[in-house]
């Protein structure tokens, strides 16, 4: 049901810099057909994750056939901040199964990861699964519609 991913916006705070750099390298080596755009910090200097969550989210909403990846220490703050933006369904995933289900059942458009929580090789598998999995639609579509209605109402 999803169109092929053509663009990935990847953002991070200081606590996610190393994993971001690792994943950009992985994506560029394994997904040459996808444009990878770094909108995160390239510094270890303390910064505020909501700024990067907002930038990635707005870009994902603006660019058709795009997804986002957000990385902070735990992934929790990024997921909370991104999900404040109407139209974003950011999923904090900690293994390939949660990444697969986030896409299949929830039509997640942003993947959130915690550099301090998961290993880099596991992160690679999670990202790979997130990119390759499509939304199933069917019974899940009604649930996405209800989420959208909640966004509209509140």
C-alpha atoms as a PDB file:
ATOM      1  CA  UNK A   1       0.000   0.000   0.000  1.00  0.00           C
ATOM      2  CA  UNK A   2       2.968   2.330   0.608  1.00  0.00           C
ATOM      3  CA  UNK A   3       4.865   3.862  -2.242  1.00  0.00           C
ATOM      4  CA  UNK A   4       8.558   3.169  -2.371  1.00  0.00           C
ATOM      5  CA  UNK A   5      10.583   5.347   0.004  1.00  0.00           C
ATOM      6  CA  UNK A   6      12.520   7.948  -1.988  1.00  0.00           C
ATOM      7  CA  UNK A   7      13.839  10.206   0.758  1.00  0.00           C
ATOM      8  CA  UNK A   8      14.874   9.784   4.391  1.00  0.00           C
ATOM      9  CA  UNK A   9      15.269  12.729   6.740  1.00  0.00           C
ATOM     10  CA  UNK A  10      17.473  11.797   9.669  1.00  0.00           C
ATOM     11  CA  UNK A  11      17.794  13.970  12.755  1.00  0.00           C
ATOM     12  CA  UNK A  12      19.435  13.661  16.130  1.00  0.00           C
ATOM     13  CA  UNK A  13      20.539  15.487  19.204  1.00  0.00           C
ATOM     14  CA  UNK A  14      24.006  15.257  20.771  1.00  0.00           C
ATOM     15  CA  UNK A  15      23.188  11.874  22.334  1.00  0.00           C
ATOM     16  CA  UNK A  16      22.372  10.347  18.949  1.00  0.00           C
ATOM     17  CA  UNK A  17      25.223  11.686  16.819  1.00  0.00           C
ATOM     18  CA  UNK A  18      27.281   8.488  16.573  1.00  0.00           C
ATOM     19  CA  UNK A  19      24.323   6.277  15.673  1.00  0.00           C
ATOM     20  CA  UNK A  20      23.152   8.872  13.123  1.00  0.00           C
ATOM     21  CA  UNK A  21      26.579   8.900  11.462  1.00  0.00           C
ATOM     22  CA  UNK A  22      26.636   5.087  11.422  1.00  0.00           C
ATOM     23  CA  UNK A  23      23.145   4.858   9.911  1.00  0.00           C
ATOM     24  CA  UNK A  24      23.819   7.490   7.250  1.00  0.00           C
ATOM     25  CA  UNK A  25      26.815   5.428   6.140  1.00  0.00           C
ATOM     26  CA  UNK A  26      24.702   2.250   6.154  1.00  0.00           C
ATOM     27  CA  UNK A  27      21.905   3.900   4.158  1.00  0.00           C
ATOM     28  CA  UNK A  28      24.228   5.424   1.567  1.00  0.00           C
ATOM     29  CA  UNK A  29      25.970   2.076   1.044  1.00  0.00           C
ATOM     30  CA  UNK A  30      22.809  -0.039   0.902  1.00  0.00           C
ATOM     31  CA  UNK A  31      20.072   2.236  -0.431  1.00  0.00           C
ATOM     32  CA  UNK A  32      21.682   4.294  -3.197  1.00  0.00           C
ATOM     33  CA  UNK A  33      18.243   4.918  -4.707  1.00  0.00           C
ATOM     34  CA  UNK A  34      17.093   6.746  -1.555  1.00  0.00           C
ATOM     35  CA  UNK A  35      18.195  10.299  -0.863  1.00  0.00           C
ATOM     36  CA  UNK A  36      19.386  10.634   2.738  1.00  0.00           C
ATOM     37  CA  UNK A  37      19.193  14.109   4.245  1.00  0.00           C
ATOM     38  CA  UNK A  38      20.990  14.859   7.511  1.00  0.00           C
ATOM     39  CA  UNK A  39      19.102  17.488   9.506  1.00  0.00           C
ATOM     40  CA  UNK A  40      20.616  16.582  12.853  1.00  0.00           C
ATOM     41  CA  UNK A  41      23.440  18.046  14.806  1.00  0.00           C
ATOM     42  CA  UNK A  42      26.978  17.042  13.940  1.00  0.00           C
ATOM     43  CA  UNK A  43      28.205  18.089  17.375  1.00  0.00           C
ATOM     44  CA  UNK A  44      28.404  16.516  20.818  1.00  0.00           C
ATOM     45  CA  UNK A  45      27.484  19.861  22.361  1.00  0.00           C
ATOM     46  CA  UNK A  46      24.243  19.631  24.309  1.00  0.00           C
ATOM     47  CA  UNK A  47      21.211  20.668  22.275  1.00  0.00           C
ATOM     48  CA  UNK A  48      17.421  20.300  22.392  1.00  0.00           C
ATOM     49  CA  UNK A  49      15.904  17.237  20.714  1.00  0.00           C
ATOM     50  CA  UNK A  50      12.475  18.856  20.072  1.00  0.00           C
ATOM     51  CA  UNK A  51      14.105  21.166  17.506  1.00  0.00           C
ATOM     52  CA  UNK A  52      15.261  18.181  15.434  1.00  0.00           C
ATOM     53  CA  UNK A  53      12.016  16.261  15.927  1.00  0.00           C
ATOM     54  CA  UNK A  54      10.143  19.242  14.518  1.00  0.00           C
ATOM     55  CA  UNK A  55      12.470  19.695  11.546  1.00  0.00           C
ATOM     56  CA  UNK A  56      12.358  16.032  10.520  1.00  0.00           C
ATOM     57  CA  UNK A  57       8.588  15.847  11.022  1.00  0.00           C
ATOM     58  CA  UNK A  58       7.829  18.919   8.929  1.00  0.00           C
ATOM     59  CA  UNK A  59      10.060  17.653   6.140  1.00  0.00           C
ATOM     60  CA  UNK A  60       8.395  14.225   6.167  1.00  0.00           C
ATOM     61  CA  UNK A  61       4.979  15.866   5.891  1.00  0.00           C
ATOM     62  CA  UNK A  62       6.146  18.117   3.065  1.00  0.00           C
ATOM     63  CA  UNK A  63       7.987  15.502   0.975  1.00  0.00           C
ATOM     64  CA  UNK A  64       5.905  12.741  -0.580  1.00  0.00           C
ATOM     65  CA  UNK A  65       7.384   9.230  -0.348  1.00  0.00           C
ATOM     66  CA  UNK A  66       9.635  10.168   2.546  1.00  0.00           C
ATOM     67  CA  UNK A  67      10.156   8.837   6.039  1.00  0.00           C
ATOM     68  CA  UNK A  68      12.106  10.107   9.014  1.00  0.00           C
ATOM     69  CA  UNK A  69      14.547   8.693  11.512  1.00  0.00           C
ATOM     70  CA  UNK A  70      15.028  10.447  14.853  1.00  0.00           C
ATOM     71  CA  UNK A  71      17.737   9.528  17.337  1.00  0.00           C
ATOM     72  CA  UNK A  72      18.387  10.693  20.874  1.00  0.00           C
ATOM     73  CA  UNK A  73      19.650   8.923  23.981  1.00  0.00           C
ATOM     74  CA  UNK A  74      16.561   6.778  24.505  1.00  0.00           C
ATOM     75  CA  UNK A  75      14.327   7.718  21.562  1.00  0.00           C
ATOM     76  CA  UNK A  76      11.557   8.588  24.000  1.00  0.00           C
ATOM     77  CA  UNK A  77      11.867  12.368  23.863  1.00  0.00           C
ATOM     78  CA  UNK A  78      12.079  12.355  20.072  1.00  0.00           C
ATOM     79  CA  UNK A  79       8.957  10.211  19.763  1.00  0.00           C
ATOM     80  CA  UNK A  80       6.983  12.396  22.162  1.00  0.00           C
ATOM     81  CA  UNK A  81       8.011  15.603  20.387  1.00  0.00           C
ATOM     82  CA  UNK A  82       7.417  14.281  16.857  1.00  0.00           C
ATOM     83  CA  UNK A  83       3.984  12.907  17.735  1.00  0.00           C
ATOM     84  CA  UNK A  84       2.829  16.390  18.718  1.00  0.00           C
ATOM     85  CA  UNK A  85       2.796  17.291  15.027  1.00  0.00           C
ATOM     86  CA  UNK A  86      -0.424  16.568  13.170  1.00  0.00           C
ATOM     87  CA  UNK A  87       0.079  13.822  10.591  1.00  0.00           C
ATOM     88  CA  UNK A  88       3.127  12.295  12.215  1.00  0.00           C
ATOM     89  CA  UNK A  89       3.063   8.744  13.479  1.00  0.00           C
ATOM     90  CA  UNK A  90       6.463   8.344  15.120  1.00  0.00           C
ATOM     91  CA  UNK A  91       7.254   4.914  16.509  1.00  0.00           C
ATOM     92  CA  UNK A  92       9.902   4.190  19.107  1.00  0.00           C
ATOM     93  CA  UNK A  93      11.239   0.802  18.044  1.00  0.00           C
ATOM     94  CA  UNK A  94      13.688  -1.425  19.849  1.00  0.00           C
ATOM     95  CA  UNK A  95      13.764  -4.466  17.565  1.00  0.00           C
ATOM     96  CA  UNK A  96      12.834  -5.481  14.027  1.00  0.00           C
ATOM     97  CA  UNK A  97       9.441  -6.814  15.092  1.00  0.00           C
ATOM     98  CA  UNK A  98       8.323  -3.482  16.527  1.00  0.00           C
ATOM     99  CA  UNK A  99       9.600  -1.723  13.386  1.00  0.00           C
ATOM    100  CA  UNK A 100       7.684  -4.121  11.142  1.00  0.00           C
ATOM    101  CA  UNK A 101       4.450  -3.780  13.103  1.00  0.00           C
ATOM    102  CA  UNK A 102       4.789   0.015  13.342  1.00  0.00           C
ATOM    103  CA  UNK A 103       4.782   0.160   9.549  1.00  0.00           C
ATOM    104  CA  UNK A 104       2.279  -2.647   8.857  1.00  0.00           C
ATOM    105  CA  UNK A 105      -0.340  -1.730  11.450  1.00  0.00           C
ATOM    106  CA  UNK A 106       0.268   1.925  12.321  1.00  0.00           C
ATOM    107  CA  UNK A 107       1.585   3.303   9.022  1.00  0.00           C
ATOM    108  CA  UNK A 108       4.405   4.932  11.001  1.00  0.00           C
ATOM    109  CA  UNK A 109       6.236   7.593   9.034  1.00  0.00           C
ATOM    110  CA  UNK A 110       9.041   8.256  11.508  1.00  0.00           C
ATOM    111  CA  UNK A 111      11.269   5.749  13.269  1.00  0.00           C
ATOM    112  CA  UNK A 112      12.673   6.766  16.667  1.00  0.00           C
ATOM    113  CA  UNK A 113      15.761   5.106  18.094  1.00  0.00           C
ATOM    114  CA  UNK A 114      17.760   5.402  21.310  1.00  0.00           C
ATOM    115  CA  UNK A 115      21.537   5.336  20.872  1.00  0.00           C
ATOM    116  CA  UNK A 116      22.047   4.507  24.547  1.00  0.00           C
ATOM    117  CA  UNK A 117      19.495   1.678  24.421  1.00  0.00           C
ATOM    118  CA  UNK A 118      20.224  -0.399  21.313  1.00  0.00           C
ATOM    119  CA  UNK A 119      23.397  -1.558  19.602  1.00  0.00           C
ATOM    120  CA  UNK A 120      24.394  -0.224  16.217  1.00  0.00           C
ATOM    121  CA  UNK A 121      23.983  -3.550  14.391  1.00  0.00           C
ATOM    122  CA  UNK A 122      20.484  -3.948  15.826  1.00  0.00           C
ATOM    123  CA  UNK A 123      19.697  -0.374  14.770  1.00  0.00           C
ATOM    124  CA  UNK A 124      20.745  -1.271  11.233  1.00  0.00           C
ATOM    125  CA  UNK A 125      18.303  -4.215  11.209  1.00  0.00           C
ATOM    126  CA  UNK A 126      15.513  -2.038  12.606  1.00  0.00           C
ATOM    127  CA  UNK A 127      16.060   0.641   9.954  1.00  0.00           C
ATOM    128  CA  UNK A 128      16.237  -1.962   7.200  1.00  0.00           C
ATOM    129  CA  UNK A 129      12.940  -3.489   8.341  1.00  0.00           C
ATOM    130  CA  UNK A 130      11.256  -0.089   8.683  1.00  0.00           C
ATOM    131  CA  UNK A 131      12.219   0.881   5.128  1.00  0.00           C
ATOM    132  CA  UNK A 132      11.189  -2.421   3.538  1.00  0.00           C
ATOM    133  CA  UNK A 133       7.841  -2.895   5.326  1.00  0.00           C
ATOM    134  CA  UNK A 134       4.632  -1.522   3.866  1.00  0.00           C
ATOM    135  CA  UNK A 135       1.375  -0.506   5.501  1.00  0.00           C
ATOM    136  CA  UNK A 136      -1.179  -3.328   5.256  1.00  0.00           C
ATOM    137  CA  UNK A 137      -4.235  -1.089   5.179  1.00  0.00           C
ATOM    138  CA  UNK A 138      -7.450  -3.103   5.500  1.00  0.00           C
ATOM    139  CA  UNK A 139      -8.587  -3.279   9.155  1.00  0.00           C
ATOM    140  CA  UNK A 140      -5.681  -1.056  10.185  1.00  0.00           C
ATOM    141  CA  UNK A 141      -6.791   1.805   7.927  1.00  0.00           C
ATOM    142  CA  UNK A 142      -9.877   2.436  10.071  1.00  0.00           C
ATOM    143  CA  UNK A 143      -7.622   2.805  13.113  1.00  0.00           C
ATOM    144  CA  UNK A 144      -5.409   5.337  11.333  1.00  0.00           C
ATOM    145  CA  UNK A 145      -8.542   7.265  10.386  1.00  0.00           C
ATOM    146  CA  UNK A 146      -9.547   7.311  14.063  1.00  0.00           C
ATOM    147  CA  UNK A 147      -6.112   8.612  15.058  1.00  0.00           C
ATOM    148  CA  UNK A 148      -6.494  11.374  12.477  1.00  0.00           C
ATOM    149  CA  UNK A 149      -9.920  12.214  13.888  1.00  0.00           C
ATOM    150  CA  UNK A 150      -8.430  12.534  17.363  1.00  0.00           C
ATOM    151  CA  UNK A 151      -5.786  14.913  15.950  1.00  0.00           C
ATOM    152  CA  UNK A 152      -8.545  16.980  14.332  1.00  0.00           C
ATOM    153  CA  UNK A 153     -10.666  17.069  17.474  1.00  0.00           C
ATOM    154  CA  UNK A 154      -7.948  17.877  19.987  1.00  0.00           C
END
